[in-house]
C-alpha atoms as a PDB file:
ATOM      1  CA  ALA A   1      70.794 128.024 162.381  1.00  0.00           C
ATOM      2  CA  ASN A   2      69.952 126.982 158.843  1.00  0.00           C
ATOM      3  CA  ALA A   3      71.075 123.359 158.645  1.00  0.00           C
ATOM      4  CA  PRO A   4      69.013 120.507 157.173  1.00  0.00           C
ATOM      5  CA  VAL A   5      66.155 119.463 159.431  1.00  0.00           C
ATOM      6  CA  ASP A   6      65.424 115.962 158.183  1.00  0.00           C
ATOM      7  CA  TYR A   7      67.329 112.792 157.441  1.00  0.00           C
ATOM      8  CA  PRO A   8      67.249 111.440 153.882  1.00  0.00           C
ATOM      9  CA  GLN A   9      66.269 107.833 153.345  1.00  0.00           C
ATOM     10  CA  LEU A  10      69.187 105.543 154.120  1.00  0.00           C
ATOM     11  CA  TRP A  11      68.456 102.440 152.034  1.00  0.00           C
ATOM     12  CA  ASP A  12      70.409 102.440 148.771  1.00  0.00           C
ATOM     13  CA  ILE A  13      72.208 105.656 149.815  1.00  0.00           C
ATOM     14  CA  TRP A  14      75.496 103.778 149.357  1.00  0.00           C
ATOM     15  CA  THR A  15      74.823 103.684 145.599  1.00  0.00           C
ATOM     16  CA  PHE A  16      74.682 107.478 145.153  1.00  0.00           C
ATOM     17  CA  ASP A  17      77.535 109.180 143.304  1.00  0.00           C
ATOM     18  CA  TRP A  18      77.024 112.300 145.452  1.00  0.00           C
ATOM     19  CA  VAL A  19      76.764 111.634 149.173  1.00  0.00           C
ATOM     20  CA  GLN A  20      75.517 115.087 150.183  1.00  0.00           C
ATOM     21  CA  TRP A  21      72.257 116.404 148.759  1.00  0.00           C
ATOM     22  CA  ASN A  22      73.846 119.789 148.071  1.00  0.00           C
ATOM     23  CA  GLY A  23      76.528 118.254 145.840  1.00  0.00           C
ATOM     24  CA  SER A  24      79.384 119.026 148.214  1.00  0.00           C
ATOM     25  CA  ALA A  25      80.854 115.535 148.673  1.00  0.00           C
ATOM     26  CA  GLN A  26      81.297 112.452 146.526  1.00  0.00           C
ATOM     27  CA  GLN A  27      83.239 110.299 148.967  1.00  0.00           C
ATOM     28  CA  PRO A  28      81.289 108.684 151.843  1.00  0.00           C
ATOM     29  CA  MET A  29      84.163 108.565 154.319  1.00  0.00           C
ATOM     30  CA  ALA A  30      85.044 112.225 153.669  1.00  0.00           C
ATOM     31  CA  ARG A  31      81.414 113.099 154.454  1.00  0.00           C
ATOM     32  CA  ASN A  32      81.396 110.874 157.548  1.00  0.00           C
ATOM     33  CA  ILE A  33      84.655 112.272 158.913  1.00  0.00           C
ATOM     34  CA  GLY A  34      83.438 115.829 158.312  1.00  0.00           C
ATOM     35  CA  GLU A  35      80.212 115.055 160.153  1.00  0.00           C
ATOM     36  CA  ALA A  36      82.122 113.446 163.043  1.00  0.00           C
ATOM     37  CA  LEU A  37      84.310 116.541 163.338  1.00  0.00           C
ATOM     38  CA  GLY A  38      81.178 118.681 163.221  1.00  0.00           C
ATOM     39  CA  VAL A  39      79.747 116.973 166.296  1.00  0.00           C
ATOM     40  CA  GLY A  40      82.864 117.020 168.437  1.00  0.00           C
ATOM     41  CA  ALA A  41      85.518 114.602 167.197  1.00  0.00           C
ATOM     42  CA  THR A  42      88.965 116.134 167.514  1.00  0.00           C
ATOM     43  CA  LEU A  43      91.659 116.854 164.978  1.00  0.00           C
ATOM     44  CA  THR A  44      94.684 118.724 166.263  1.00  0.00           C
ATOM     45  CA  PHE A  45      96.577 121.075 163.971  1.00  0.00           C
ATOM     46  CA  PHE A  46      98.565 123.025 166.592  1.00  0.00           C
ATOM     47  CA  ASP A  47     100.790 122.010 169.494  1.00  0.00           C
ATOM     48  CA  GLY A  48     100.409 123.307 173.053  1.00  0.00           C
ATOM     49  CA  ALA A  49     102.441 126.412 172.211  1.00  0.00           C
ATOM     50  CA  GLY A  50     100.157 127.288 169.291  1.00  0.00           C
ATOM     51  CA  GLN A  51     102.636 126.229 166.618  1.00  0.00           C
ATOM     52  CA  PRO A  52     101.378 124.260 163.613  1.00  0.00           C
ATOM     53  CA  LEU A  53     102.105 120.553 163.729  1.00  0.00           C
ATOM     54  CA  GLN A  54     104.170 119.194 160.860  1.00  0.00           C
ATOM     55  CA  GLY A  55     103.931 116.084 158.691  1.00  0.00           C
ATOM     56  CA  ASP A  56     102.099 113.068 160.064  1.00  0.00           C
ATOM     57  CA  ALA A  57     101.889 114.662 163.533  1.00  0.00           C
ATOM     58  CA  ARG A  58      98.973 116.797 162.341  1.00  0.00           C
ATOM     59  CA  TYR A  59      96.652 113.966 161.326  1.00  0.00           C
ATOM     60  CA  PRO A  60      95.821 111.932 164.480  1.00  0.00           C
ATOM     61  CA  SER A  61      92.152 112.303 165.321  1.00  0.00           C
ATOM     62  CA  SER A  62      89.453 110.954 167.622  1.00  0.00           C
ATOM     63  CA  VAL A  63      87.318 110.109 164.575  1.00  0.00           C
ATOM     64  CA  ARG A  64      86.417 106.419 164.824  1.00  0.00           C
ATOM     65  CA  VAL A  65      87.159 105.534 161.200  1.00  0.00           C
ATOM     66  CA  ARG A  66      86.614 101.778 161.674  1.00  0.00           C
ATOM     67  CA  ASP A  67      83.139 102.441 163.069  1.00  0.00           C
ATOM     68  CA  LEU A  68      82.330 104.823 160.220  1.00  0.00           C
ATOM     69  CA  ASN A  69      83.402 102.141 157.754  1.00  0.00           C
ATOM     70  CA  LEU A  70      81.205  99.600 159.563  1.00  0.00           C
ATOM     71  CA  ILE A  71      78.246 101.957 159.174  1.00  0.00           C
ATOM     72  CA  GLU A  72      78.933 102.214 155.429  1.00  0.00           C
ATOM     73  CA  GLU A  73      79.117  98.423 155.120  1.00  0.00           C
ATOM     74  CA  THR A  74      75.916  97.998 157.143  1.00  0.00           C
ATOM     75  CA  LEU A  75      74.034 100.482 154.954  1.00  0.00           C
ATOM     76  CA  GLN A  76      74.669  98.211 151.972  1.00  0.00           C
ATOM     77  CA  ARG A  77      72.406  95.606 153.619  1.00  0.00           C
ATOM     78  CA  LEU A  78      69.663  97.994 154.733  1.00  0.00           C
ATOM     79  CA  LYS A  79      66.312  97.494 153.001  1.00  0.00           C
ATOM     80  CA  PRO A  80      63.374  99.924 152.868  1.00  0.00           C
ATOM     81  CA  PRO A  81      60.596  99.254 155.347  1.00  0.00           C
ATOM     82  CA  THR A  82      57.427  97.500 154.263  1.00  0.00           C
ATOM     83  CA  TRP A  83      54.212  99.507 154.306  1.00  0.00           C
ATOM     84  CA  PRO A  84      52.601  99.117 157.771  1.00  0.00           C
ATOM     85  CA  GLU A  85      49.085  98.115 156.724  1.00  0.00           C
ATOM     86  CA  ASP A  86      48.099  97.591 160.357  1.00  0.00           C
ATOM     87  CA  LEU A  87      48.670 101.318 160.970  1.00  0.00           C
ATOM     88  CA  PHE A  88      47.718 102.964 157.676  1.00  0.00           C
ATOM     89  CA  GLY A  89      45.571 100.408 155.896  1.00  0.00           C
ATOM     90  CA  ALA A  90      46.247  98.651 152.624  1.00  0.00           C
ATOM     91  CA  ILE A  91      47.659 100.571 149.685  1.00  0.00           C
ATOM     92  CA  ASP A  92      44.990 101.491 147.133  1.00  0.00           C
ATOM     93  CA  LYS A  93      46.738  99.784 144.203  1.00  0.00           C
ATOM     94  CA  PRO A  94      44.763 101.486 141.377  1.00  0.00           C
ATOM     95  CA  LEU A  95      45.358 104.908 142.969  1.00  0.00           C
ATOM     96  CA  ALA A  96      49.042 104.077 143.504  1.00  0.00           C
ATOM     97  CA  ALA A  97      49.311 103.112 139.820  1.00  0.00           C
ATOM     98  CA  GLN A  98      47.825 106.487 138.855  1.00  0.00           C
ATOM     99  CA  GLY A  99      50.326 108.205 141.141  1.00  0.00           C
ATOM    100  CA  ARG A 100      53.187 106.249 139.601  1.00  0.00           C
ATOM    101  CA  ALA A 101      52.092 107.318 136.115  1.00  0.00           C
ATOM    102  CA  LEU A 102      51.843 110.973 137.191  1.00  0.00           C
ATOM    103  CA  PHE A 103      55.267 110.817 138.846  1.00  0.00           C
ATOM    104  CA  THR A 104      56.807 109.179 135.774  1.00  0.00           C
ATOM    105  CA  GLU A 105      55.328 111.836 133.499  1.00  0.00           C
ATOM    106  CA  ASN A 106      55.932 114.929 135.614  1.00  0.00           C
ATOM    107  CA  CYS A 107      58.670 114.250 138.158  1.00  0.00           C
ATOM    108  CA  ALA A 108      60.955 111.373 137.198  1.00  0.00           C
ATOM    109  CA  GLY A 109      62.975 113.454 134.743  1.00  0.00           C
ATOM    110  CA  CYS A 110      64.491 115.366 137.659  1.00  0.00           C
ATOM    111  CA  HIS A 111      63.934 113.041 140.606  1.00  0.00           C
ATOM    112  CA  VAL A 112      64.984 109.630 139.276  1.00  0.00           C
ATOM    113  CA  PRO A 113      68.732 109.308 138.728  1.00  0.00           C
ATOM    114  CA  ALA A 114      70.318 107.380 135.897  1.00  0.00           C
ATOM    115  CA  VAL A 115      71.834 104.112 137.146  1.00  0.00           C
ATOM    116  CA  THR A 116      74.994 102.486 135.802  1.00  0.00           C
ATOM    117  CA  GLN A 117      77.116  99.543 136.912  1.00  0.00           C
ATOM    118  CA  GLU A 118      80.630 100.509 137.998  1.00  0.00           C
ATOM    119  CA  GLN A 119      83.151  98.081 139.469  1.00  0.00           C
ATOM    120  CA  GLY A 120      80.405  95.521 140.034  1.00  0.00           C
ATOM    121  CA  ARG A 121      78.011  97.794 141.928  1.00  0.00           C
ATOM    122  CA  PRO A 122      75.098 100.045 140.973  1.00  0.00           C
ATOM    123  CA  VAL A 123      75.772 103.787 140.906  1.00  0.00           C
ATOM    124  CA  GLN A 124      72.928 106.304 140.933  1.00  0.00           C
ATOM    125  CA  HIS A 125      73.999 109.505 139.196  1.00  0.00           C
ATOM    126  CA  LEU A 126      72.219 112.273 141.085  1.00  0.00           C
ATOM    127  CA  LYS A 127      71.406 115.442 139.183  1.00  0.00           C
ATOM    128  CA  MET A 128      72.921 118.632 140.510  1.00  0.00           C
ATOM    129  CA  LEU A 129      71.013 121.639 139.228  1.00  0.00           C
ATOM    130  CA  PRO A 130      71.650 125.354 139.736  1.00  0.00           C
ATOM    131  CA  VAL A 131      69.679 126.778 142.657  1.00  0.00           C
ATOM    132  CA  ALA A 132      68.230 129.451 140.350  1.00  0.00           C
ATOM    133  CA  TYR A 133      66.770 126.694 138.149  1.00  0.00           C
ATOM    134  CA  ILE A 134      65.256 124.804 141.073  1.00  0.00           C
ATOM    135  CA  GLY A 135      63.829 127.960 142.627  1.00  0.00           C
ATOM    136  CA  THR A 136      64.286 126.906 146.250  1.00  0.00           C
ATOM    137  CA  ASP A 137      65.896 128.725 149.150  1.00  0.00           C
ATOM    138  CA  PRO A 138      69.628 128.922 148.363  1.00  0.00           C
ATOM    139  CA  GLY A 139      70.689 128.722 152.038  1.00  0.00           C
ATOM    140  CA  THR A 140      71.835 125.097 152.064  1.00  0.00           C
ATOM    141  CA  ALA A 141      73.783 125.407 148.816  1.00  0.00           C
ATOM    142  CA  SER A 142      75.305 128.718 149.878  1.00  0.00           C
ATOM    143  CA  ASN A 143      76.439 127.306 153.234  1.00  0.00           C
ATOM    144  CA  ILE A 144      79.040 125.174 151.462  1.00  0.00           C
ATOM    145  CA  ALA A 145      79.611 126.975 148.163  1.00  0.00           C
ATOM    146  CA  ASP A 146      80.342 130.408 149.594  1.00  0.00           C
ATOM    147  CA  GLN A 147      82.645 129.423 152.473  1.00  0.00           C
ATOM    148  CA  ARG A 148      86.358 130.204 152.254  1.00  0.00           C
ATOM    149  CA  TYR A 149      88.942 129.502 154.935  1.00  0.00           C
ATOM    150  CA  ASP A 150      92.405 130.928 155.409  1.00  0.00           C
ATOM    151  CA  LEU A 151      94.639 127.932 156.103  1.00  0.00           C
ATOM    152  CA  SER A 152      97.906 129.856 155.966  1.00  0.00           C
ATOM    153  CA  ALA A 153      98.365 129.552 159.766  1.00  0.00           C
ATOM    154  CA  LEU A 154      98.756 125.789 159.297  1.00  0.00           C
ATOM    155  CA  GLN A 155     101.919 126.407 157.241  1.00  0.00           C
ATOM    156  CA  TRP A 156     101.207 123.468 154.968  1.00  0.00           C
ATOM    157  CA  ASP A 157     103.910 122.766 152.449  1.00  0.00           C
ATOM    158  CA  PRO A 158     102.516 122.811 148.869  1.00  0.00           C
ATOM    159  CA  ALA A 159     104.604 119.716 148.023  1.00  0.00           C
ATOM    160  CA  GLU A 160     103.047 117.843 150.951  1.00  0.00           C
ATOM    161  CA  LEU A 161      99.545 118.951 149.966  1.00  0.00           C
ATOM    162  CA  ALA A 162     100.128 117.756 146.412  1.00  0.00           C
ATOM    163  CA  LYS A 163     100.586 114.206 147.741  1.00  0.00           C
ATOM    164  CA  LEU A 164      97.199 114.149 149.496  1.00  0.00           C
ATOM    165  CA  ASN A 165      94.459 112.122 147.851  1.00  0.00           C
ATOM    166  CA  VAL A 166      91.504 114.469 148.277  1.00  0.00           C
END
């Protein structure tokens, strides 16, 4: 397998314009539903005889959308943890200031998103850069960018698809 091996930070994640680090999703609920389906939630496209379901019959799912929405709402109240001085000691403030200056000079241009206010909330505009520019392993980006699926067996009507808000 070649999936991500670590969780990103969760505080302020609700402000990001891209909700997947590889730039594959901009809508939190689309990401959440996809992840739920990936870990076993059901979505039935075919009847018991193997025929494609039609119209609204194809959309019922075991995805717990209300719970996913509750998670999104809860994340808006999540704050970053305080530094555990009892475990790691006090922060060396002069050294931290030097680190901040180095980060600002050498890293912030790529790693600090621009922030705007949109519809009364902050939006962090994450930078999506070509993998060749970044120079990292292209596996994660390729997992989503290079996948193609033949959906013709679903017999979706182009007029019906045109009505979907995706």
